[in-house]
Amino acid sequence: MIVRYAIVAHGRVQGVGFRYFAQYEARRRGLTGWVKNCDADHMIEMEVQGDVEKVEAFVDEIKKGPPFARVERIEQYSIPTISHEKTFRIIY
């Protein structure tokens, strides 16, 4: 089953390589979507899509974060899938 989640990561998640970490973890699982900084609130926003088991494994890794991050809280919502996406990218 293919799912798509909107995810917001709170905590020390900017300036620690979080977007690159998310991109790496998504691409190695064959997931699509995007990740970006949310400057106003010092959060990371992302959408990720793929097989439900792979997406759940991705979320588990995101909760840990890269070495210098401190993820305090994750918000996760199911959203409609997008059929035309081909990769997972960083939005600047």
N, C-alpha and C. Protein backbone atom coordinates (compact mmCIF):
# COMPACT_ATOMS: atom_id res chain seq x y z
N MET A 1 0.83 -1.18 0.00
CA MET A 1 0.00 0.00 0.00
C MET A 1 0.88 1.25 0.00
N ILE A 2 0.58 2.19 -0.87
CA ILE A 2 1.34 3.44 -0.98
C ILE A 2 0.66 4.50 -0.10
N VAL A 3 1.48 5.19 0.70
CA VAL A 3 0.99 6.25 1.57
C VAL A 3 1.83 7.49 1.38
N ARG A 4 1.31 8.62 1.81
CA ARG A 4 2.05 9.89 1.82
C ARG A 4 1.79 10.56 3.16
N TYR A 5 2.87 10.97 3.81
CA TYR A 5 2.77 11.66 5.09
C TYR A 5 3.35 13.06 4.98
N ALA A 6 2.69 13.99 5.62
CA ALA A 6 3.28 15.29 5.90
C ALA A 6 3.88 15.17 7.29
N ILE A 7 5.13 15.59 7.43
CA ILE A 7 5.85 15.43 8.69
C ILE A 7 6.49 16.76 9.07
N VAL A 8 6.40 17.11 10.33
CA VAL A 8 7.07 18.28 10.86
C VAL A 8 7.94 17.82 12.03
N ALA A 9 9.23 18.15 11.97
CA ALA A 9 10.17 17.81 13.03
C ALA A 9 10.49 19.06 13.83
N HIS A 10 10.34 18.98 15.14
CA HIS A 10 10.63 20.08 16.05
C HIS A 10 11.86 19.75 16.88
N GLY A 11 12.56 20.77 17.31
CA GLY A 11 13.74 20.60 18.15
C GLY A 11 14.95 21.28 17.52
N ARG A 12 16.12 20.75 17.81
CA ARG A 12 17.34 21.26 17.18
C ARG A 12 17.52 20.51 15.86
N VAL A 13 16.86 21.03 14.82
CA VAL A 13 16.81 20.32 13.55
C VAL A 13 17.33 21.15 12.38
N GLN A 14 17.66 22.41 12.62
CA GLN A 14 18.24 23.23 11.56
C GLN A 14 19.72 23.47 11.85
N GLY A 15 20.50 23.51 10.77
CA GLY A 15 21.94 23.73 10.91
C GLY A 15 22.71 22.51 11.36
N VAL A 16 22.09 21.34 11.26
CA VAL A 16 22.74 20.10 11.71
C VAL A 16 22.73 19.02 10.62
N GLY A 17 22.41 19.40 9.37
CA GLY A 17 22.41 18.44 8.27
C GLY A 17 21.14 17.61 8.18
N PHE A 18 20.09 18.08 8.80
CA PHE A 18 18.85 17.30 8.85
C PHE A 18 18.23 17.07 7.47
N ARG A 19 18.20 18.12 6.63
CA ARG A 19 17.60 17.96 5.30
C ARG A 19 18.36 16.93 4.47
N TYR A 20 19.68 16.96 4.54
CA TYR A 20 20.49 16.00 3.78
C TYR A 20 20.31 14.59 4.33
N PHE A 21 20.20 14.49 5.65
CA PHE A 21 19.93 13.21 6.31
C PHE A 21 18.59 12.65 5.83
N ALA A 22 17.55 13.48 5.81
CA ALA A 22 16.23 13.04 5.38
C ALA A 22 16.27 12.60 3.92
N GLN A 23 16.95 13.37 3.07
CA GLN A 23 17.05 13.02 1.66
C GLN A 23 17.75 11.67 1.49
N TYR A 24 18.84 11.49 2.18
CA TYR A 24 19.58 10.22 2.09
C TYR A 24 18.70 9.05 2.52
N GLU A 25 18.05 9.18 3.67
CA GLU A 25 17.22 8.09 4.19
C GLU A 25 16.05 7.78 3.27
N ALA A 26 15.44 8.82 2.68
CA ALA A 26 14.33 8.60 1.76
C ALA A 26 14.79 7.94 0.47
N ARG A 27 15.86 8.44 -0.10
CA ARG A 27 16.34 7.90 -1.38
C ARG A 27 16.81 6.46 -1.24
N ARG A 28 17.45 6.13 -0.13
CA ARG A 28 17.93 4.75 0.01
C ARG A 28 16.79 3.76 0.17
N ARG A 29 15.61 4.26 0.51
CA ARG A 29 14.42 3.42 0.62
C ARG A 29 13.54 3.51 -0.62
N GLY A 30 13.93 4.33 -1.61
CA GLY A 30 13.15 4.47 -2.83
C GLY A 30 11.88 5.29 -2.64
N LEU A 31 11.89 6.21 -1.68
CA LEU A 31 10.73 7.04 -1.39
C LEU A 31 10.81 8.35 -2.17
N THR A 32 9.68 9.00 -2.35
CA THR A 32 9.63 10.30 -3.01
C THR A 32 9.11 11.35 -2.04
N GLY A 33 9.27 12.62 -2.43
CA GLY A 33 8.77 13.72 -1.61
C GLY A 33 9.75 14.86 -1.57
N TRP A 34 9.72 15.60 -0.47
CA TRP A 34 10.58 16.77 -0.33
C TRP A 34 10.79 17.08 1.15
N VAL A 35 11.80 17.92 1.41
CA VAL A 35 12.10 18.39 2.77
C VAL A 35 12.57 19.84 2.67
N LYS A 36 12.21 20.65 3.66
CA LYS A 36 12.65 22.05 3.67
C LYS A 36 12.68 22.58 5.10
N ASN A 37 13.49 23.63 5.29
CA ASN A 37 13.49 24.36 6.56
C ASN A 37 12.24 25.21 6.63
N CYS A 38 11.70 25.36 7.79
CA CYS A 38 10.61 26.29 8.05
C CYS A 38 11.22 27.38 8.92
N ASP A 39 11.73 28.43 8.29
CA ASP A 39 12.54 29.44 8.96
C ASP A 39 11.87 30.12 10.13
N ALA A 40 10.60 30.42 10.01
CA ALA A 40 9.93 31.19 11.06
C ALA A 40 9.88 30.44 12.39
N ASP A 41 9.79 29.12 12.35
CA ASP A 41 9.58 28.35 13.57
C ASP A 41 10.74 27.41 13.92
N HIS A 42 11.82 27.45 13.16
CA HIS A 42 12.96 26.57 13.40
C HIS A 42 12.55 25.10 13.40
N MET A 43 11.76 24.74 12.41
CA MET A 43 11.31 23.37 12.24
C MET A 43 11.75 22.88 10.87
N ILE A 44 11.59 21.61 10.65
CA ILE A 44 11.79 21.00 9.34
C ILE A 44 10.44 20.44 8.90
N GLU A 45 10.04 20.78 7.68
CA GLU A 45 8.81 20.24 7.11
C GLU A 45 9.19 19.29 5.98
N MET A 46 8.41 18.25 5.81
CA MET A 46 8.65 17.32 4.72
C MET A 46 7.38 16.58 4.36
N GLU A 47 7.36 16.05 3.16
CA GLU A 47 6.35 15.10 2.72
C GLU A 47 7.10 13.90 2.17
N VAL A 48 6.64 12.73 2.50
CA VAL A 48 7.30 11.50 2.05
C VAL A 48 6.24 10.52 1.59
N GLN A 49 6.55 9.81 0.50
CA GLN A 49 5.59 8.90 -0.10
C GLN A 49 6.26 7.61 -0.52
N GLY A 50 5.54 6.52 -0.34
CA GLY A 50 6.03 5.22 -0.78
C GLY A 50 5.30 4.10 -0.06
N ASP A 51 5.85 2.91 -0.17
CA ASP A 51 5.30 1.74 0.51
C ASP A 51 5.22 2.01 2.00
N VAL A 52 4.11 1.65 2.61
CA VAL A 52 3.86 1.99 4.01
C VAL A 52 4.97 1.50 4.94
N GLU A 53 5.50 0.31 4.73
CA GLU A 53 6.56 -0.20 5.60
C GLU A 53 7.84 0.62 5.46
N LYS A 54 8.17 1.03 4.25
CA LYS A 54 9.36 1.84 4.02
C LYS A 54 9.19 3.24 4.57
N VAL A 55 8.00 3.79 4.45
CA VAL A 55 7.74 5.12 5.00
C VAL A 55 7.82 5.08 6.52
N GLU A 56 7.27 4.05 7.14
CA GLU A 56 7.34 3.93 8.60
C GLU A 56 8.79 3.77 9.07
N ALA A 57 9.61 3.03 8.32
CA ALA A 57 11.03 2.90 8.66
C ALA A 57 11.73 4.25 8.53
N PHE A 58 11.37 5.02 7.51
CA PHE A 58 11.91 6.37 7.33
C PHE A 58 11.55 7.24 8.54
N VAL A 59 10.31 7.21 8.96
CA VAL A 59 9.86 8.01 10.10
C VAL A 59 10.64 7.62 11.36
N ASP A 60 10.88 6.34 11.55
CA ASP A 60 11.67 5.89 12.71
C ASP A 60 13.07 6.51 12.70
N GLU A 61 13.70 6.57 11.52
CA GLU A 61 15.03 7.19 11.41
C GLU A 61 14.96 8.69 11.64
N ILE A 62 13.93 9.33 11.11
CA ILE A 62 13.76 10.78 11.28
C ILE A 62 13.62 11.13 12.76
N LYS A 63 12.95 10.29 13.51
CA LYS A 63 12.78 10.54 14.95
C LYS A 63 14.14 10.56 15.67
N LYS A 64 15.09 9.80 15.17
CA LYS A 64 16.45 9.79 15.74
C LYS A 64 17.24 11.00 15.26
N GLY A 65 17.11 11.32 13.97
CA GLY A 65 17.82 12.45 13.37
C GLY A 65 19.29 12.17 13.16
N PRO A 66 19.98 13.12 12.50
CA PRO A 66 21.43 12.99 12.30
C PRO A 66 22.16 13.23 13.63
N PRO A 67 23.47 12.98 13.68
CA PRO A 67 24.21 13.01 14.94
C PRO A 67 24.08 14.28 15.78
N PHE A 68 24.03 15.47 15.17
CA PHE A 68 24.02 16.69 15.97
C PHE A 68 22.62 17.26 16.18
N ALA A 69 21.62 16.55 15.71
CA ALA A 69 20.23 17.00 15.89
C ALA A 69 19.69 16.52 17.23
N ARG A 70 18.64 17.19 17.67
CA ARG A 70 17.89 16.75 18.85
C ARG A 70 16.41 16.90 18.50
N VAL A 71 15.82 15.81 18.07
CA VAL A 71 14.41 15.83 17.68
C VAL A 71 13.58 15.71 18.95
N GLU A 72 12.81 16.76 19.22
CA GLU A 72 11.98 16.78 20.41
C GLU A 72 10.58 16.23 20.16
N ARG A 73 10.10 16.46 18.94
CA ARG A 73 8.73 16.05 18.63
C ARG A 73 8.55 15.94 17.13
N ILE A 74 7.74 14.96 16.72
CA ILE A 74 7.39 14.76 15.32
C ILE A 74 5.87 14.84 15.19
N GLU A 75 5.40 15.64 14.24
CA GLU A 75 3.98 15.63 13.87
C GLU A 75 3.89 14.89 12.54
N GLN A 76 2.92 14.03 12.41
CA GLN A 76 2.80 13.21 11.20
C GLN A 76 1.33 13.10 10.82
N TYR A 77 1.02 13.41 9.56
CA TYR A 77 -0.35 13.37 9.06
C TYR A 77 -0.38 12.63 7.73
N SER A 78 -1.40 11.82 7.52
CA SER A 78 -1.63 11.20 6.21
C SER A 78 -2.23 12.24 5.29
N ILE A 79 -1.72 12.29 4.06
CA ILE A 79 -2.23 13.21 3.04
C ILE A 79 -2.37 12.45 1.73
N PRO A 80 -3.07 13.01 0.74
CA PRO A 80 -3.24 12.32 -0.54
C PRO A 80 -1.90 12.09 -1.26
N THR A 81 -1.80 10.96 -1.94
CA THR A 81 -0.58 10.65 -2.69
C THR A 81 -0.50 11.50 -3.96
N ILE A 82 0.72 11.60 -4.48
CA ILE A 82 0.99 12.34 -5.72
C ILE A 82 1.60 11.34 -6.70
N SER A 83 0.95 11.17 -7.86
CA SER A 83 1.36 10.11 -8.78
C SER A 83 2.58 10.45 -9.63
N HIS A 84 2.88 11.71 -9.85
CA HIS A 84 3.93 12.07 -10.82
C HIS A 84 5.32 12.25 -10.21
N GLU A 85 5.48 12.12 -8.92
CA GLU A 85 6.79 12.34 -8.29
C GLU A 85 7.77 11.23 -8.65
N LYS A 86 9.03 11.63 -8.83
CA LYS A 86 10.05 10.65 -9.22
C LYS A 86 11.17 10.50 -8.20
N THR A 87 11.36 11.49 -7.32
CA THR A 87 12.50 11.47 -6.40
C THR A 87 12.15 12.20 -5.11
N PHE A 88 13.07 12.20 -4.19
CA PHE A 88 12.96 12.96 -2.95
C PHE A 88 13.96 14.10 -3.04
N ARG A 89 13.52 15.33 -2.82
CA ARG A 89 14.40 16.48 -3.03
C ARG A 89 14.38 17.43 -1.84
N ILE A 90 15.42 18.23 -1.78
CA ILE A 90 15.51 19.30 -0.80
C ILE A 90 14.99 20.56 -1.47
N ILE A 91 14.10 21.26 -0.79
CA ILE A 91 13.59 22.54 -1.28
C ILE A 91 14.33 23.64 -0.52
N TYR A 92 14.93 24.56 -1.26
CA TYR A 92 15.67 25.66 -0.64
C TYR A 92 14.86 26.91 -0.59
